[in-house]
């Protein structure tokens, strides 16, 4: 089995649990708790792939400074390393503010983790891979063209593009070049509507497909997930979940989709399993599932039409 190449950031998530809601300007509030954790879109995606025991390479720079040291130690404890040498630049972090509802707000300090030098890609053997994951944050940065050029030189790779909210702010020429590679597009409902300028999910998916000529996957929160492959559209129901926080739900979803496709599942089944994983992430503090929790997951859950949803449902 060929590997999945995961290109993107590994950062420290500083998870701050608020008593109530985000404070207003001038307020003085206390928090319930805080902790530091491995995070970043690429790392979160790679961890979901790892759970399915699918081979992958995390292609992610880890910088210097206190956050870089934390990451290197944490990755080493897990036996994970990136082919990229340590850049002479501080690593950043992401402050994750969690409200009592479980909704999250990110405030990011960008550092070395988002910048990719052209020569680093010579460290890869493209023949080892068939799938590649990319995120919008790295494409938006000043070195984003280096990632795009690598993909353009290796058009046989199937690109899975999860741009997040950056889809509508990335330089249009970069988006044009990426869409010309026919990526599988993974977005949430808000992102799909904003990027397509359409009024319904089915219209949005069809419009985005007309730009990429490949499958469009749209996560729908408590309504599950919709996909359109150019021939048919289908809505996959959500898995019941009790929401703790939404950190990493979208990352775990696309990572699981990629891994399940590699294992031979069709797209609908891959999304169904990804819904299950993401629902568990929503019910867990932080972006990552402990190994024992993943191993306990059942993938034969009933749809909400057969059993009631929990107190809250999947928000990917």
Protein backbone atom coordinates (compact mmCIF):
# COMPACT_ATOMS: atom_id res chain seq x y z
CA UNK A 1 0.00 0.00 0.00
CA UNK A 2 1.34 3.42 -0.93
CA UNK A 3 1.51 6.10 1.74
CA UNK A 4 -0.50 9.26 2.33
CA UNK A 5 1.60 12.44 2.29
CA UNK A 6 0.35 14.91 4.88
CA UNK A 7 1.64 18.42 4.21
CA UNK A 8 1.01 21.13 6.77
CA UNK A 9 1.46 22.38 10.28
CA UNK A 10 2.16 20.87 13.66
CA UNK A 11 1.58 23.34 16.45
CA UNK A 12 1.01 23.51 20.18
CA UNK A 13 -2.67 23.85 20.97
CA UNK A 14 -3.06 25.91 24.15
CA UNK A 15 -6.57 24.84 25.14
CA UNK A 16 -8.30 27.34 27.41
CA UNK A 17 -11.66 26.29 28.84
CA UNK A 18 -13.81 29.30 29.66
CA UNK A 19 -16.41 29.44 32.42
CA UNK A 20 -18.99 30.91 30.07
CA UNK A 21 -18.39 32.72 26.78
CA UNK A 22 -15.60 34.72 25.20
CA UNK A 23 -15.16 37.90 27.24
CA UNK A 24 -16.00 41.30 25.86
CA UNK A 25 -13.45 44.12 25.69
CA UNK A 26 -12.56 45.31 29.17
CA UNK A 27 -13.94 42.29 31.02
CA UNK A 28 -11.93 40.38 33.62
CA UNK A 29 -12.78 36.67 33.65
CA UNK A 30 -11.51 33.40 35.12
CA UNK A 31 -11.07 30.15 33.24
CA UNK A 32 -11.94 26.59 34.22
CA UNK A 33 -8.70 25.02 33.03
CA UNK A 34 -5.96 25.07 30.41
CA UNK A 35 -3.51 22.61 28.91
CA UNK A 36 -0.99 22.29 26.08
CA UNK A 37 -1.39 19.59 23.46
CA UNK A 38 -0.06 18.46 20.10
CA UNK A 39 -2.16 20.04 17.38
CA UNK A 40 -2.20 21.68 13.98
CA UNK A 41 -4.30 20.63 11.01
CA UNK A 42 -1.70 18.34 9.44
CA UNK A 43 -0.83 16.62 12.70
CA UNK A 44 -4.50 16.11 13.56
CA UNK A 45 -5.13 14.61 10.11
CA UNK A 46 -2.11 12.33 10.40
CA UNK A 47 -3.22 11.07 13.80
CA UNK A 48 -6.59 9.98 12.39
CA UNK A 49 -4.80 8.18 9.55
CA UNK A 50 -2.54 6.49 12.10
CA UNK A 51 -5.52 5.13 14.00
CA UNK A 52 -6.61 3.24 10.88
CA UNK A 53 -3.05 1.82 10.54
CA UNK A 54 -2.63 3.30 7.07
CA UNK A 55 0.97 4.32 6.21
CA UNK A 56 1.66 8.03 5.99
CA UNK A 57 4.42 10.64 6.17
CA UNK A 58 3.90 13.81 8.19
CA UNK A 59 5.69 16.51 6.18
CA UNK A 60 5.66 19.29 8.74
CA UNK A 61 8.37 21.73 9.84
CA UNK A 62 8.95 22.09 13.58
CA UNK A 63 10.73 25.28 14.55
CA UNK A 64 12.68 26.43 17.57
CA UNK A 65 11.74 28.12 20.84
CA UNK A 66 9.60 26.86 23.71
CA UNK A 67 6.79 25.65 21.46
CA UNK A 68 9.20 23.92 19.09
CA UNK A 69 10.89 22.14 21.99
CA UNK A 70 7.52 21.01 23.33
CA UNK A 71 6.55 19.61 19.91
CA UNK A 72 9.83 17.79 19.30
CA UNK A 73 9.65 16.10 22.70
CA UNK A 74 5.99 15.16 22.27
CA UNK A 75 6.52 13.80 18.74
CA UNK A 76 9.61 11.86 19.83
CA UNK A 77 7.62 10.19 22.59
CA UNK A 78 5.20 8.98 19.90
CA UNK A 79 8.01 7.85 17.59
CA UNK A 80 7.08 10.45 14.94
CA UNK A 81 9.54 12.54 12.94
CA UNK A 82 9.32 14.71 9.85
CA UNK A 83 11.86 14.57 6.99
CA UNK A 84 12.13 18.36 7.19
CA UNK A 85 15.21 19.75 9.04
CA UNK A 86 14.61 22.16 11.91
CA UNK A 87 14.13 25.70 10.54
CA UNK A 88 15.94 28.54 12.31
CA UNK A 89 12.68 30.18 13.35
CA UNK A 90 10.36 29.92 16.34
CA UNK A 91 7.41 27.57 16.13
CA UNK A 92 4.01 29.08 16.72
CA UNK A 93 0.96 27.99 18.65
CA UNK A 94 -2.82 28.13 18.56
CA UNK A 95 -4.82 29.50 21.48
CA UNK A 96 -8.08 27.53 21.54
CA UNK A 97 -10.78 29.22 23.60
CA UNK A 98 -13.58 26.77 24.45
CA UNK A 99 -16.94 28.19 25.52
CA UNK A 100 -19.34 26.27 27.76
CA UNK A 101 -21.30 25.21 24.66
CA UNK A 102 -18.24 23.48 23.24
CA UNK A 103 -17.81 25.98 20.42
CA UNK A 104 -14.23 27.11 19.87
CA UNK A 105 -12.42 30.26 18.81
CA UNK A 106 -8.85 30.08 17.52
CA UNK A 107 -6.22 32.79 17.86
CA UNK A 108 -3.02 31.72 16.12
CA UNK A 109 0.59 32.79 16.40
CA UNK A 110 2.15 31.73 13.11
CA UNK A 111 5.77 30.67 13.00
CA UNK A 112 8.00 28.18 11.19
CA UNK A 113 5.27 25.55 10.98
CA UNK A 114 3.49 27.23 8.05
CA UNK A 115 6.49 27.99 5.82
CA UNK A 116 7.82 25.44 3.31
CA UNK A 117 11.14 25.80 1.46
CA UNK A 118 11.26 24.56 -2.13
CA UNK A 119 14.34 22.40 -1.54
CA UNK A 120 12.60 20.42 1.21
CA UNK A 121 10.41 18.68 -1.36
CA UNK A 122 13.50 17.04 -2.87
CA UNK A 123 13.62 14.99 0.35
CA UNK A 124 10.48 13.15 -0.80
CA UNK A 125 10.15 10.27 -3.24
CA UNK A 126 6.79 10.98 -4.92
CA UNK A 127 6.54 7.33 -5.98
CA UNK A 128 5.94 6.37 -2.35
CA UNK A 129 2.61 8.22 -2.29
CA UNK A 130 -0.74 8.26 -4.04
CA UNK A 131 -2.78 10.56 -1.75
CA UNK A 132 -1.67 13.95 -0.46
CA UNK A 133 -3.38 16.23 2.05
CA UNK A 134 -3.03 20.02 2.05
CA UNK A 135 -4.65 22.79 4.10
CA UNK A 136 -5.49 26.38 3.23
CA UNK A 137 -3.26 27.99 5.86
CA UNK A 138 0.01 26.87 4.26
CA UNK A 139 -1.18 27.70 0.74
CA UNK A 140 -2.01 31.25 1.84
CA UNK A 141 1.47 31.88 3.26
CA UNK A 142 4.26 33.45 1.19
CA UNK A 143 5.76 30.00 0.52
CA UNK A 144 2.46 28.47 -0.58
CA UNK A 145 3.57 28.43 -4.21
CA UNK A 146 6.31 25.94 -3.29
CA UNK A 147 3.66 23.43 -2.25
CA UNK A 148 1.62 24.05 -5.39
CA UNK A 149 4.69 23.62 -7.62
CA UNK A 150 5.43 20.24 -6.01
CA UNK A 151 1.87 19.10 -6.70
CA UNK A 152 2.00 20.38 -10.28
CA UNK A 153 5.17 18.36 -10.87
CA UNK A 154 3.42 15.23 -9.58
CA UNK A 155 -0.05 15.31 -11.16
CA UNK A 156 -0.70 11.61 -10.57
CA UNK A 157 -1.11 12.32 -6.84
CA UNK A 158 -4.71 12.61 -5.67
CA UNK A 159 -4.92 15.86 -3.73
CA UNK A 160 -7.29 16.24 -0.78
CA UNK A 161 -7.69 19.95 -0.14
CA UNK A 162 -9.21 21.18 3.13
CA UNK A 163 -8.91 24.95 2.78
CA UNK A 164 -11.04 25.85 5.80
CA UNK A 165 -12.17 29.48 5.98
CA UNK A 166 -9.11 30.53 3.93
CA UNK A 167 -10.74 29.37 0.68
CA UNK A 168 -12.21 32.79 -0.05
CA UNK A 169 -9.12 34.79 0.95
CA UNK A 170 -6.29 32.83 -0.68
CA UNK A 171 -4.90 34.57 -3.76
CA UNK A 172 -7.26 33.62 -6.65
CA UNK A 173 -4.41 32.55 -8.94
CA UNK A 174 -3.26 30.01 -6.35
CA UNK A 175 -6.79 28.62 -6.05
CA UNK A 176 -7.02 28.40 -9.85
CA UNK A 177 -3.79 26.39 -9.99
CA UNK A 178 -4.93 24.08 -7.22
CA UNK A 179 -8.36 23.51 -8.74
CA UNK A 180 -6.62 22.68 -12.04
CA UNK A 181 -5.16 19.66 -10.20
CA UNK A 182 -8.73 18.35 -9.60
CA UNK A 183 -8.49 18.00 -5.82
CA UNK A 184 -11.07 16.32 -3.63
CA UNK A 185 -12.46 19.34 -1.80
CA UNK A 186 -13.39 19.04 1.88
CA UNK A 187 -15.25 22.02 3.36
CA UNK A 188 -17.97 22.75 5.88
CA UNK A 189 -21.37 24.20 5.07
CA UNK A 190 -20.44 27.84 5.68
CA UNK A 191 -17.29 27.57 3.58
CA UNK A 192 -19.16 25.89 0.74
CA UNK A 193 -21.84 28.57 0.64
CA UNK A 194 -19.36 31.44 0.76
CA UNK A 195 -17.10 30.00 -1.93
CA UNK A 196 -19.90 28.99 -4.33
CA UNK A 197 -22.28 31.94 -3.82
CA UNK A 198 -25.16 29.44 -3.92
CA UNK A 199 -28.20 29.09 -1.68
CA UNK A 200 -28.39 25.33 -1.14
CA UNK A 201 -25.92 22.58 -0.37
CA UNK A 202 -26.71 20.70 -3.57
CA UNK A 203 -26.16 23.83 -5.66
CA UNK A 204 -22.96 24.66 -3.78
CA UNK A 205 -21.54 21.18 -4.26
CA UNK A 206 -22.37 21.19 -7.98
CA UNK A 207 -20.79 24.61 -8.44
CA UNK A 208 -17.59 23.61 -6.64
CA UNK A 209 -17.45 20.37 -8.62
CA UNK A 210 -17.61 22.40 -11.83
CA UNK A 211 -14.40 24.13 -10.70
CA UNK A 212 -12.45 21.08 -9.48
CA UNK A 213 -13.97 18.24 -11.54
CA UNK A 214 -13.63 15.97 -8.53
CA UNK A 215 -15.60 14.93 -5.48
CA UNK A 216 -16.83 17.64 -3.12
CA UNK A 217 -17.39 16.72 0.54
CA UNK A 218 -19.37 19.16 2.70
CA UNK A 219 -19.71 18.57 6.44
CA UNK A 220 -23.07 19.70 7.80
CA UNK A 221 -22.75 19.66 11.57
CA UNK A 222 -25.74 17.95 13.19
CA UNK A 223 -27.09 17.06 9.72
CA UNK A 224 -24.15 14.81 8.89
CA UNK A 225 -22.23 15.16 5.63
CA UNK A 226 -23.09 15.62 1.95
CA UNK A 227 -20.98 14.62 -1.01
CA UNK A 228 -21.27 15.08 -4.76
CA UNK A 229 -19.10 13.11 -7.18
CA UNK A 230 -20.34 14.55 -10.48
CA UNK A 231 -22.94 11.83 -10.96
CA UNK A 232 -24.83 11.70 -7.72
CA UNK A 233 -25.15 13.53 -4.45
CA UNK A 234 -25.83 11.81 -1.16
CA UNK A 235 -26.27 12.96 2.42
CA UNK A 236 -24.70 10.64 4.99
CA UNK A 237 -26.43 10.90 8.39
CA UNK A 238 -24.49 11.99 11.47
CA UNK A 239 -23.44 9.79 14.34
CA UNK A 240 -24.94 10.71 17.74
CA UNK A 241 -22.53 12.75 19.84
CA UNK A 242 -22.44 14.79 23.03
CA UNK A 243 -20.43 17.92 22.29
CA UNK A 244 -17.48 18.77 24.53
CA UNK A 245 -15.56 20.91 22.04
CA UNK A 246 -15.21 21.04 18.26
CA UNK A 247 -11.41 21.25 18.02
CA UNK A 248 -10.11 18.97 15.27
CA UNK A 249 -13.49 17.62 14.13
CA UNK A 250 -12.95 18.58 10.50
CA UNK A 251 -9.33 17.36 10.56
CA UNK A 252 -10.31 13.98 11.97
CA UNK A 253 -13.07 13.72 9.36
CA UNK A 254 -10.89 14.20 6.28
CA UNK A 255 -8.08 12.08 7.76
CA UNK A 256 -10.55 9.25 8.33
CA UNK A 257 -12.03 9.59 4.84
CA UNK A 258 -8.60 9.29 3.26
CA UNK A 259 -7.61 6.33 5.42
CA UNK A 260 -10.86 4.45 4.76
CA UNK A 261 -10.59 4.99 1.02
CA UNK A 262 -7.07 3.56 1.17
CA UNK A 263 -8.47 0.50 2.94
CA UNK A 264 -10.92 -0.08 0.10
CA UNK A 265 -14.14 1.50 1.36
CA UNK A 266 -16.32 3.30 -1.15
CA UNK A 267 -16.82 7.02 -0.56
CA UNK A 268 -20.17 6.73 1.22
CA UNK A 269 -18.81 4.15 3.66
CA UNK A 270 -15.62 6.18 4.20
CA UNK A 271 -17.70 9.24 5.08
CA UNK A 272 -19.95 7.20 7.37
CA UNK A 273 -16.92 5.98 9.32
CA UNK A 274 -15.44 9.49 9.32
CA UNK A 275 -18.69 10.81 10.81
CA UNK A 276 -18.27 8.30 13.63
CA UNK A 277 -14.69 9.33 14.34
CA UNK A 278 -15.45 13.05 14.18
CA UNK A 279 -18.41 12.61 16.53
CA UNK A 280 -16.10 11.01 19.07
CA UNK A 281 -13.61 13.88 18.65
CA UNK A 282 -16.43 16.35 19.32
CA UNK A 283 -17.13 14.52 22.56
CA UNK A 284 -13.47 14.59 23.61
CA UNK A 285 -11.47 17.50 24.99
CA UNK A 286 -9.00 18.61 22.32
CA UNK A 287 -8.41 17.38 18.78
CA UNK A 288 -6.97 13.92 19.39
CA UNK A 289 -8.54 10.59 20.28
CA UNK A 290 -6.64 8.35 22.72
CA UNK A 291 -5.81 4.98 21.19
CA UNK A 292 -8.09 3.06 23.55
CA UNK A 293 -11.03 5.32 22.68
CA UNK A 294 -10.54 4.81 18.94
CA UNK A 295 -10.18 1.06 19.38
CA UNK A 296 -13.50 0.98 21.21
CA UNK A 297 -15.42 2.69 18.40
CA UNK A 298 -18.23 0.82 16.70
CA UNK A 299 -18.73 1.59 13.02
CA UNK A 300 -22.14 -0.04 12.73
CA UNK A 301 -24.07 2.70 14.55
CA UNK A 302 -27.67 3.41 13.67
CA UNK A 303 -28.62 6.60 11.89
CA UNK A 304 -30.55 9.32 13.75
CA UNK A 305 -33.61 8.11 11.86
CA UNK A 306 -33.32 4.86 13.81
CA UNK A 307 -32.22 6.16 17.17
CA UNK A 308 -32.39 9.64 18.69
CA UNK A 309 -29.37 11.89 18.53
CA UNK A 310 -27.62 12.75 21.78
CA UNK A 311 -27.61 16.10 23.55
CA UNK A 312 -25.56 17.57 20.73
CA UNK A 313 -24.44 16.25 17.38
CA UNK A 314 -21.43 16.30 15.14
CA UNK A 315 -20.01 19.73 14.34
CA UNK A 316 -17.27 19.25 11.74
